[in-house]
Amino acid sequence: MKKIIIFALLAIVISVVLSSCSSDKSNDVKPVSNTYVIIPGAWQGPSAWQSVKANLEASGQKVILIQLAGHDKDTTDPSTITMDVYRDQVVAAINGVSGKVILVGHSLGGMIASAVAEKVPAKIDRLIYVAAYVPVSGQSLLDLAQTDAQSLLGPNISSPTPYTLDVTHNLITNIFIQDGTTAEQSLVLNNYKVEPAIPFTQAVTLTAANYGIVNKFYIHTTLDHAISPDLQNRMVTAAGIKKTYSLTASHSPFLSKPDSLSTLLLNIAK
């Protein structure tokens, strides 16, 4: 009888120990780590994406914010900046990553991301457009923008030099981040600088064999004053993008809705 009791007690102890080990292992499971390569849009740079970067990294992801030539603190001569310069900057960053990346393009960054996808489709697991211009082959950003009668941006752009574009300064916050806090709007204003003009005029060439095989998603911004919801819908339809999401946000959801945008970026990666 004593032996039976001892064996029973041993069985219980072993069961508890194994259960504890199993629980510990499950708690040690880490989320899949992806590498997000994020291309900011025109008149903005990495400074605008810091909150999203922090959110993604807190979830175990890796993030590369592209410092485009001529943006934020970069002082590259605008006369030397082309769409190919932008594309090659991003391709170089992607080639420095082991494995595939999740490529995110905002606004102008959508044009660049498309060109990158054509160049290195095998390196891109997902391509996510956020309030972005999406061309078909042979289109430039200017081609698309000129069809956007509802945008507040187009009528308020000027060219202070042959190689730069400026936005009417007292309309910058209304165009880019009318739904932001005073601090968020100040960040946009404090980091604002004139934009290199040449890439706006340059068409991208896309093929079914390369760009066409990349898995694409679009995040609409329904309060957008820079790229109207109507143009966003037309570009998505023309590009044949079926997987779409929406944020009730301005053109800068990475500032006004960083948590919501981060959640979408994480969900799309699953």
Protein backbone atom coordinates (compact mmCIF):
# COMPACT_ATOMS: atom_id res chain seq x y z
CA MET A 1 0.00 0.00 0.00
CA LYS A 2 2.85 2.37 0.93
CA LYS A 3 4.48 1.69 -2.46
CA ILE A 4 1.26 2.56 -4.29
CA ILE A 5 0.99 5.86 -2.39
CA ILE A 6 4.66 6.68 -3.09
CA PHE A 7 4.25 5.96 -6.81
CA ALA A 8 1.10 8.09 -6.91
CA LEU A 9 2.90 10.99 -5.24
CA LEU A 10 5.82 10.67 -7.66
CA ALA A 11 3.43 10.74 -10.60
CA ILE A 12 1.84 13.93 -9.31
CA VAL A 13 5.23 15.58 -8.79
CA ILE A 14 6.42 14.61 -12.27
CA SER A 15 3.17 15.87 -13.79
CA VAL A 16 3.52 19.24 -12.02
CA VAL A 17 7.17 19.58 -13.08
CA LEU A 18 6.41 18.77 -16.72
CA SER A 19 3.46 21.15 -16.73
CA SER A 20 5.66 23.89 -15.31
CA CYS A 21 8.35 23.30 -17.93
CA SER A 22 5.77 23.33 -20.69
CA SER A 23 4.32 26.60 -19.38
CA ASP A 24 7.76 28.18 -19.15
CA LYS A 25 8.53 27.22 -22.74
CA SER A 26 5.28 28.70 -24.01
CA ASN A 27 6.03 31.94 -22.20
CA ASP A 28 9.44 32.05 -23.84
CA VAL A 29 7.98 31.95 -27.37
CA LYS A 30 8.82 35.21 -29.11
CA PRO A 31 6.82 36.85 -31.91
CA VAL A 32 8.13 36.42 -35.43
CA SER A 33 10.60 39.21 -36.16
CA ASN A 34 10.21 40.94 -39.50
CA THR A 35 12.28 43.75 -40.93
CA TYR A 36 10.24 46.77 -41.98
CA VAL A 37 11.88 49.13 -44.46
CA ILE A 38 9.95 52.41 -44.39
CA ILE A 39 10.17 55.09 -47.09
CA PRO A 40 8.88 58.49 -45.93
CA GLY A 41 6.99 60.79 -48.26
CA ALA A 42 7.69 64.21 -49.74
CA TRP A 43 8.52 67.12 -47.41
CA GLN A 44 8.99 64.61 -44.58
CA GLY A 45 11.63 62.18 -43.35
CA PRO A 46 12.51 59.63 -40.66
CA SER A 47 11.74 62.11 -37.88
CA ALA A 48 8.02 61.74 -38.64
CA TRP A 49 8.05 57.95 -38.19
CA GLN A 50 9.72 57.63 -34.78
CA SER A 51 6.55 56.66 -32.88
CA VAL A 52 5.70 53.89 -35.36
CA LYS A 53 9.30 52.69 -35.27
CA ALA A 54 9.20 52.51 -31.47
CA ASN A 55 5.89 50.60 -31.54
CA LEU A 56 7.15 48.04 -34.05
CA GLU A 57 10.41 47.52 -32.20
CA ALA A 58 8.51 47.07 -28.92
CA SER A 59 6.70 44.21 -30.68
CA GLY A 60 10.00 42.53 -31.54
CA GLN A 61 10.30 43.82 -35.10
CA LYS A 62 13.28 45.40 -36.84
CA VAL A 63 12.84 48.76 -38.53
CA ILE A 64 14.91 50.64 -41.10
CA LEU A 65 13.80 54.22 -41.74
CA ILE A 66 15.16 55.41 -45.07
CA GLN A 67 16.86 58.80 -45.02
CA LEU A 68 16.09 59.92 -48.54
CA ALA A 69 18.53 62.29 -50.20
CA GLY A 70 17.43 65.88 -49.69
CA HIS A 71 15.02 65.10 -46.84
CA ASP A 72 15.17 66.01 -43.15
CA LYS A 73 18.78 66.89 -42.31
CA ASP A 74 20.29 65.58 -45.56
CA THR A 75 21.90 68.35 -47.62
CA THR A 76 22.37 66.61 -51.00
CA ASP A 77 22.16 69.07 -53.91
CA PRO A 78 18.55 68.78 -55.24
CA SER A 79 19.77 69.07 -58.82
CA THR A 80 21.46 65.66 -58.44
CA ILE A 81 18.48 63.81 -56.95
CA THR A 82 16.43 61.56 -59.25
CA MET A 83 13.96 58.71 -58.80
CA ASP A 84 16.81 56.28 -59.51
CA VAL A 85 18.82 57.84 -56.66
CA TYR A 86 15.93 57.21 -54.28
CA ARG A 87 15.37 53.70 -55.61
CA ASP A 88 19.02 52.74 -55.29
CA GLN A 89 19.17 54.07 -51.71
CA VAL A 90 16.34 51.74 -50.71
CA VAL A 91 17.68 48.77 -52.67
CA ALA A 92 21.04 49.16 -50.90
CA ALA A 93 19.30 49.10 -47.51
CA ILE A 94 17.26 46.03 -48.45
CA ASN A 95 20.30 44.17 -49.76
CA GLY A 96 21.90 44.69 -46.37
CA VAL A 97 19.15 42.61 -44.76
CA SER A 98 19.32 38.83 -44.56
CA GLY A 99 16.10 37.46 -45.99
CA LYS A 100 12.99 39.28 -47.15
CA VAL A 101 11.62 42.60 -45.89
CA ILE A 102 8.26 44.29 -45.50
CA LEU A 103 8.51 47.43 -47.62
CA VAL A 104 6.36 50.42 -46.60
CA GLY A 105 5.95 53.49 -48.79
CA HIS A 106 4.15 56.71 -47.85
CA SER A 107 3.01 59.30 -50.41
CA LEU A 108 6.03 59.87 -52.73
CA GLY A 109 7.44 56.77 -51.03
CA GLY A 110 4.83 54.73 -52.90
CA MET A 111 6.42 55.69 -56.21
CA ILE A 112 9.85 54.77 -54.88
CA ALA A 113 8.61 51.50 -53.37
CA SER A 114 7.11 50.52 -56.72
CA ALA A 115 10.43 51.11 -58.47
CA VAL A 116 12.21 49.12 -55.75
CA ALA A 117 9.76 46.23 -56.12
CA GLU A 118 10.52 46.14 -59.83
CA LYS A 119 14.25 46.00 -59.09
CA VAL A 120 14.36 43.42 -56.25
CA PRO A 121 10.99 41.59 -56.12
CA ALA A 122 12.50 38.47 -54.55
CA LYS A 123 13.58 40.48 -51.49
CA ILE A 124 10.12 41.83 -50.69
CA ASP A 125 7.71 39.72 -48.65
CA ARG A 126 5.00 42.39 -48.63
CA LEU A 127 4.65 45.87 -50.09
CA ILE A 128 2.44 48.18 -48.04
CA TYR A 129 1.31 51.53 -49.43
CA VAL A 130 0.26 54.09 -46.80
CA ALA A 131 -1.64 57.07 -48.24
CA ALA A 132 0.69 56.62 -51.18
CA TYR A 133 0.91 57.30 -54.87
CA VAL A 134 0.66 54.00 -56.77
CA PRO A 135 1.66 54.21 -60.43
CA VAL A 136 1.03 51.92 -63.31
CA SER A 137 3.95 51.49 -65.67
CA GLY A 138 4.87 54.73 -67.41
CA GLN A 139 3.32 57.08 -64.84
CA SER A 140 5.07 59.73 -62.77
CA LEU A 141 3.90 61.27 -59.51
CA LEU A 142 3.05 64.45 -61.42
CA ASP A 143 0.88 62.46 -63.84
CA LEU A 144 -1.14 61.10 -60.92
CA ALA A 145 -1.29 64.34 -58.94
CA GLN A 146 -2.65 66.28 -61.90
CA THR A 147 -5.75 64.06 -61.89
CA ASP A 148 -6.53 64.89 -58.25
CA ALA A 149 -8.93 67.83 -58.39
CA GLN A 150 -9.87 67.38 -54.71
CA SER A 151 -6.33 67.68 -53.36
CA LEU A 152 -5.34 70.83 -51.49
CA LEU A 153 -1.68 70.14 -52.26
CA GLY A 154 -1.46 70.67 -56.02
CA PRO A 155 -2.76 74.27 -56.12
CA ASN A 156 -0.45 75.26 -53.28
CA ILE A 157 2.91 74.08 -54.65
CA SER A 158 5.46 76.54 -56.01
CA SER A 159 9.01 76.21 -57.41
CA PRO A 160 11.44 78.56 -55.66
CA THR A 161 14.22 77.12 -57.86
CA PRO A 162 14.21 74.90 -60.96
CA TYR A 163 15.10 71.92 -58.75
CA THR A 164 12.88 72.38 -55.69
CA LEU A 165 9.21 72.43 -54.73
CA ASP A 166 7.68 74.39 -51.86
CA VAL A 167 4.25 74.34 -50.19
CA THR A 168 2.37 77.47 -49.14
CA HIS A 169 3.60 77.65 -45.57
CA ASN A 170 0.42 78.67 -43.79
CA LEU A 171 -1.36 75.63 -45.29
CA ILE A 172 1.23 72.97 -44.46
CA THR A 173 -0.54 71.61 -41.38
CA ASN A 174 -3.97 71.68 -43.03
CA ILE A 175 -2.64 69.75 -46.02
CA PHE A 176 -0.54 67.17 -44.18
CA ILE A 177 -1.84 66.79 -40.62
CA GLN A 178 -5.03 68.71 -39.90
CA ASP A 179 -6.05 66.06 -37.33
CA GLY A 180 -2.81 66.22 -35.32
CA THR A 181 -2.09 67.76 -31.95
CA THR A 182 -0.21 71.03 -31.73
CA ALA A 183 2.97 69.08 -30.91
CA GLU A 184 2.51 66.76 -33.91
CA GLN A 185 1.86 69.67 -36.24
CA SER A 186 4.92 71.47 -34.86
CA LEU A 187 7.07 68.42 -35.63
CA VAL A 188 6.00 68.62 -39.28
CA LEU A 189 6.68 72.35 -39.44
CA ASN A 190 10.02 72.17 -37.63
CA ASN A 191 11.35 69.45 -39.96
CA TYR A 192 9.90 70.90 -43.15
CA LYS A 193 12.22 71.76 -46.04
CA VAL A 194 11.75 72.29 -49.77
CA GLU A 195 11.45 69.11 -51.80
CA PRO A 196 13.69 67.90 -54.67
CA ALA A 197 11.61 68.42 -57.82
CA ILE A 198 13.09 66.07 -60.42
CA PRO A 199 11.65 62.78 -59.03
CA PHE A 200 8.11 64.18 -59.30
CA THR A 201 8.42 64.28 -63.08
CA GLN A 202 10.03 60.88 -63.65
CA ALA A 203 7.94 57.90 -64.68
CA VAL A 204 8.57 54.42 -63.33
CA THR A 205 8.65 51.30 -65.48
CA LEU A 206 6.92 48.25 -63.99
CA THR A 207 6.56 44.72 -65.34
CA ALA A 208 4.31 41.78 -64.52
CA ALA A 209 7.37 39.55 -64.17
CA ASN A 210 8.88 41.64 -61.38
CA TYR A 211 6.61 44.22 -59.75
CA GLY A 212 3.59 42.10 -60.61
CA ILE A 213 4.60 39.17 -58.37
CA VAL A 214 4.97 41.23 -55.17
CA ASN A 215 2.22 40.87 -52.55
CA LYS A 216 0.64 44.34 -52.21
CA PHE A 217 -1.55 46.09 -49.64
CA TYR A 218 -2.96 49.62 -49.38
CA ILE A 219 -3.86 51.61 -46.26
CA HIS A 220 -6.32 54.37 -47.13
CA THR A 221 -6.48 57.65 -45.17
CA THR A 222 -10.07 58.84 -45.34
CA LEU A 223 -9.42 62.42 -44.14
CA ASP A 224 -6.52 63.02 -46.53
CA HIS A 225 -6.11 66.55 -47.90
CA ALA A 226 -2.94 65.78 -49.90
CA ILE A 227 -3.99 62.67 -51.84
CA SER A 228 -7.76 62.60 -51.98
CA PRO A 229 -9.64 59.39 -51.09
CA ASP A 230 -11.01 59.42 -54.64
CA LEU A 231 -7.52 59.28 -56.19
CA GLN A 232 -6.45 56.66 -53.65
CA ASN A 233 -9.37 54.46 -54.76
CA ARG A 234 -8.64 54.97 -58.44
CA MET A 235 -4.95 54.10 -58.04
CA VAL A 236 -5.75 50.96 -56.03
CA THR A 237 -8.19 49.82 -58.71
CA ALA A 238 -5.76 50.54 -61.55
CA ALA A 239 -2.98 48.63 -59.78
CA GLY A 240 -5.25 45.67 -59.02
CA ILE A 241 -4.62 45.81 -55.25
CA LYS A 242 -7.25 43.71 -53.50
CA LYS A 243 -6.06 43.85 -49.89
CA THR A 244 -6.95 47.24 -48.47
CA TYR A 245 -7.47 48.84 -45.06
CA SER A 246 -8.63 52.28 -43.91
CA LEU A 247 -7.69 54.73 -41.18
CA THR A 248 -9.80 57.74 -40.28
CA ALA A 249 -6.78 59.97 -40.50
CA SER A 250 -5.04 62.74 -42.39
CA HIS A 251 -2.12 62.29 -44.78
CA SER A 252 0.20 61.68 -41.80
CA PRO A 253 -1.28 58.78 -39.79
CA PHE A 254 2.20 57.88 -38.48
CA LEU A 255 1.93 61.10 -36.45
CA SER A 256 -1.78 61.51 -35.71
CA LYS A 257 -2.63 57.78 -35.37
CA PRO A 258 0.71 55.99 -34.77
CA ASP A 259 -0.76 53.21 -32.62
CA SER A 260 -3.52 52.40 -35.12
CA LEU A 261 -1.08 52.42 -38.03
CA SER A 262 1.42 50.26 -36.14
CA THR A 263 -1.31 47.71 -35.38
CA LEU A 264 -2.24 47.53 -39.06
CA LEU A 265 1.39 47.10 -40.13
CA LEU A 266 1.80 44.25 -37.62
CA ASN A 267 -1.45 42.57 -38.67
CA ILE A 268 -0.61 42.74 -42.38
CA ALA A 269 2.69 40.95 -41.64
CA LYS A 270 0.92 37.93 -40.11
